[in-house]
N, C-alpha and C. Protein backbone atom coordinates (compact mmCIF):
# COMPACT_ATOMS: atom_id res chain seq x y z
N MET A 1 21.40 -47.46 -51.62
CA MET A 1 20.16 -47.11 -51.08
C MET A 1 19.69 -48.42 -50.56
N THR A 2 18.64 -49.48 -49.66
CA THR A 2 18.33 -50.83 -49.12
C THR A 2 16.80 -50.44 -49.26
N GLU A 3 16.29 -51.57 -50.06
CA GLU A 3 15.10 -51.23 -50.64
C GLU A 3 14.31 -51.97 -48.88
N GLU A 4 13.34 -51.54 -48.43
CA GLU A 4 12.16 -52.56 -47.45
C GLU A 4 11.77 -53.34 -48.28
N ARG A 5 11.51 -54.60 -47.54
CA ARG A 5 10.79 -55.76 -47.92
C ARG A 5 9.04 -55.82 -47.36
N ALA A 6 8.26 -55.32 -47.71
CA ALA A 6 7.01 -55.95 -46.34
C ALA A 6 6.78 -57.18 -46.53
N GLU A 7 5.60 -57.31 -46.38
CA GLU A 7 5.29 -58.46 -46.04
C GLU A 7 3.90 -58.48 -46.68
N PRO A 8 3.88 -60.33 -47.50
CA PRO A 8 2.77 -60.05 -47.81
C PRO A 8 1.26 -59.58 -47.62
N VAL A 9 0.38 -58.93 -48.31
CA VAL A 9 -0.72 -58.75 -47.18
C VAL A 9 -1.78 -60.40 -47.21
N LEU A 10 -1.34 -60.76 -48.96
CA LEU A 10 -2.08 -61.65 -48.74
C LEU A 10 -1.45 -63.24 -48.95
N ARG A 11 -1.59 -64.52 -48.95
CA ARG A 11 -0.87 -65.71 -49.31
C ARG A 11 -1.48 -66.76 -49.59
N VAL A 12 -2.12 -67.52 -50.67
CA VAL A 12 -2.35 -68.55 -51.25
C VAL A 12 -1.77 -69.57 -50.39
N VAL A 13 -2.58 -70.12 -49.85
CA VAL A 13 -2.79 -71.09 -49.08
C VAL A 13 -2.71 -73.17 -49.94
N ARG A 14 -3.46 -72.61 -50.47
CA ARG A 14 -4.32 -73.76 -51.10
C ARG A 14 -5.40 -73.19 -52.60
N GLY A 15 -5.35 -74.29 -54.17
CA GLY A 15 -4.99 -73.83 -55.24
C GLY A 15 -4.90 -73.47 -56.16
N ASP A 16 -4.83 -72.74 -56.72
CA ASP A 16 -4.38 -71.95 -58.53
C ASP A 16 -5.01 -70.99 -58.78
N PRO A 17 -4.99 -69.51 -57.38
CA PRO A 17 -6.65 -68.64 -58.38
C PRO A 17 -5.36 -67.37 -59.56
N ASP A 18 -6.34 -67.45 -60.75
CA ASP A 18 -6.00 -67.01 -61.74
C ASP A 18 -5.45 -65.06 -61.00
N ASP A 19 -5.60 -64.86 -61.88
CA ASP A 19 -5.19 -62.72 -62.04
C ASP A 19 -6.33 -62.09 -61.84
N GLU A 20 -7.36 -62.52 -61.84
CA GLU A 20 -8.98 -62.13 -61.43
C GLU A 20 -9.81 -62.35 -60.29
N GLN A 21 -9.31 -63.60 -59.81
CA GLN A 21 -9.33 -64.27 -58.88
C GLN A 21 -9.36 -63.25 -57.19
N LEU A 22 -7.80 -63.54 -58.03
CA LEU A 22 -6.87 -62.61 -56.48
C LEU A 22 -7.47 -60.98 -56.48
N ALA A 23 -7.73 -60.67 -57.68
CA ALA A 23 -8.23 -58.85 -57.09
C ALA A 23 -9.31 -58.55 -57.07
N ALA A 24 -10.08 -59.83 -57.35
CA ALA A 24 -11.15 -59.30 -56.68
C ALA A 24 -11.29 -60.08 -54.94
N LEU A 25 -10.12 -60.99 -54.63
CA LEU A 25 -10.24 -60.81 -52.72
C LEU A 25 -9.87 -59.99 -52.61
N LEU A 26 -8.52 -59.55 -53.16
CA LEU A 26 -8.25 -57.84 -52.73
C LEU A 26 -8.71 -56.68 -52.59
N ALA A 27 -10.05 -56.63 -53.45
CA ALA A 27 -10.44 -55.99 -53.33
C ALA A 27 -11.39 -55.43 -52.37
N VAL A 28 -12.33 -57.24 -52.22
CA VAL A 28 -12.53 -56.83 -50.78
C VAL A 28 -12.29 -57.02 -49.32
N VAL A 29 -11.25 -57.47 -49.92
CA VAL A 29 -10.07 -56.83 -48.26
C VAL A 29 -9.43 -55.66 -48.11
N LEU A 30 -9.26 -55.35 -48.92
CA LEU A 30 -9.16 -54.12 -49.00
C LEU A 30 -9.53 -52.86 -49.06
N SER A 31 -10.97 -53.34 -49.69
CA SER A 31 -12.73 -52.85 -49.24
C SER A 31 -13.00 -52.29 -47.91
N ARG A 32 -11.93 -53.89 -47.08
CA ARG A 32 -12.90 -54.18 -45.21
C ARG A 32 -12.44 -53.55 -44.17
N THR A 33 -10.78 -52.78 -45.00
CA THR A 33 -10.46 -52.11 -43.74
C THR A 33 -9.62 -50.50 -44.32
N PRO A 34 -9.72 -50.09 -42.90
CA PRO A 34 -9.94 -48.75 -43.11
C PRO A 34 -8.80 -48.17 -44.05
N ALA A 35 -8.39 -47.46 -44.26
CA ALA A 35 -7.26 -46.82 -44.77
C ALA A 35 -6.73 -45.94 -43.91
N THR A 36 -7.31 -45.31 -42.66
CA THR A 36 -6.45 -44.42 -41.88
C THR A 36 -7.49 -45.34 -40.42
N PRO A 37 -6.10 -44.58 -39.24
CA PRO A 37 -7.19 -45.24 -38.40
C PRO A 37 -8.08 -44.24 -37.47
N ALA A 38 -9.20 -44.67 -37.69
CA ALA A 38 -10.73 -43.44 -37.02
C ALA A 38 -10.30 -42.89 -35.80
N HIS A 39 -9.83 -41.49 -35.56
CA HIS A 39 -9.79 -40.63 -34.69
C HIS A 39 -10.79 -40.27 -34.05
N HIS A 40 -11.01 -40.16 -33.16
CA HIS A 40 -12.36 -39.32 -32.69
C HIS A 40 -11.70 -38.85 -31.26
N HIS A 41 -11.96 -37.73 -31.23
CA HIS A 41 -11.55 -36.22 -30.90
C HIS A 41 -12.93 -35.97 -30.14
N ARG A 42 -13.27 -36.23 -28.26
CA ARG A 42 -14.22 -35.38 -28.31
C ARG A 42 -14.00 -34.23 -27.87
N PRO A 43 -14.31 -33.51 -27.99
CA PRO A 43 -14.53 -32.02 -26.69
C PRO A 43 -14.36 -31.50 -26.13
N GLY A 44 -13.28 -30.88 -25.19
CA GLY A 44 -13.59 -30.89 -23.58
C GLY A 44 -14.97 -30.84 -22.78
N TRP A 45 -16.02 -30.09 -23.16
CA TRP A 45 -17.50 -30.09 -22.78
C TRP A 45 -17.91 -31.84 -22.85
N SER A 46 -17.81 -32.51 -23.02
CA SER A 46 -18.37 -33.44 -23.53
C SER A 46 -17.13 -34.17 -23.05
N ASP A 47 -15.90 -34.79 -22.37
CA ASP A 47 -15.19 -35.69 -22.58
C ASP A 47 -15.26 -35.93 -20.93
N ARG A 48 -15.81 -36.87 -20.00
CA ARG A 48 -15.55 -37.99 -19.32
C ARG A 48 -14.82 -37.92 -18.47
N ALA A 49 -13.13 -37.15 -19.19
CA ALA A 49 -12.00 -37.30 -17.84
C ALA A 49 -12.53 -36.19 -17.02
N THR A 50 -13.05 -35.05 -17.40
CA THR A 50 -12.91 -34.17 -16.78
C THR A 50 -14.26 -33.95 -15.20
N ARG A 51 -14.83 -35.72 -15.31
CA ARG A 51 -15.36 -35.27 -14.38
C ARG A 51 -14.67 -36.16 -13.42
N LEU A 52 -13.80 -36.56 -13.46
CA LEU A 52 -12.66 -37.23 -11.97
C LEU A 52 -12.24 -36.33 -11.52
N ARG A 53 -12.01 -37.06 -10.55
CA ARG A 53 -10.89 -35.79 -8.99
C ARG A 53 -9.89 -36.36 -9.78
N THR A 54 -9.73 -34.34 -9.66
CA THR A 54 -7.87 -34.62 -9.69
C THR A 54 -7.33 -34.99 -8.26
N GLY A 55 -6.09 -34.33 -8.17
CA GLY A 55 -5.32 -35.53 -6.54
C GLY A 55 -5.41 -33.96 -6.38
N LEU A 56 -5.76 -33.64 -4.96
CA LEU A 56 -5.05 -33.33 -3.89
C LEU A 56 -4.11 -31.76 -4.08
N ARG A 57 -4.40 -30.68 -3.84
CA ARG A 57 -3.17 -29.67 -3.70
C ARG A 57 -3.43 -29.44 -2.36
N SER A 58 -1.79 -28.11 -2.01
CA SER A 58 -1.70 -28.01 -0.47
C SER A 58 -1.36 -26.37 -0.92
N GLY A 59 -1.81 -25.46 0.36
CA GLY A 59 -1.46 -23.73 -0.40
C GLY A 59 -2.70 -22.79 0.90
N PRO A 60 -2.49 -21.79 0.55
CA PRO A 60 -3.52 -20.99 1.15
C PRO A 60 -4.44 -21.38 0.14
N GLY A 61 -4.96 -20.72 1.28
CA GLY A 61 -7.10 -20.86 0.09
C GLY A 61 -7.43 -22.24 -0.88
N VAL A 62 -6.37 -22.46 -0.99
CA VAL A 62 -7.37 -23.93 -1.75
C VAL A 62 -8.28 -24.66 -1.69
N TRP A 63 -8.64 -24.56 -0.44
CA TRP A 63 -10.34 -25.24 0.32
C TRP A 63 -11.14 -24.30 -0.28
N ARG A 64 -10.92 -22.80 -0.34
CA ARG A 64 -11.96 -22.48 -1.41
C ARG A 64 -12.03 -22.59 -2.96
N THR A 65 -10.67 -23.29 -3.79
CA THR A 65 -11.01 -22.91 -4.67
C THR A 65 -10.82 -24.73 -5.22
N SER A 66 -11.32 -25.54 -3.99
CA SER A 66 -11.87 -27.00 -4.36
C SER A 66 -11.84 -27.24 -4.93
N THR A 67 -13.50 -26.94 -5.66
CA THR A 67 -14.71 -26.54 -6.40
C THR A 67 -14.93 -26.20 -7.62
N TRP A 68 -13.63 -25.38 -7.09
CA TRP A 68 -13.76 -24.46 -9.34
C TRP A 68 -12.68 -25.29 -10.52
N ARG A 69 -13.06 -25.28 -11.25
CA ARG A 69 -12.67 -26.01 -11.91
C ARG A 69 -11.95 -25.37 -13.10
């Protein structure tokens, strides 16, 4: 089984922080980052895409139903 290595979350460029300082920094960074992406689900009645015009259709009686949804 191969083990995948993830890139480090933080990288210290200067200085020599101790474990407590790194833990505090990591806690701040992780508290600002959402755990999962927010999904904004809009109900059908408030979806603005329904107000956009749809493509033209052809066929018998289409002109009567052209304004129906």
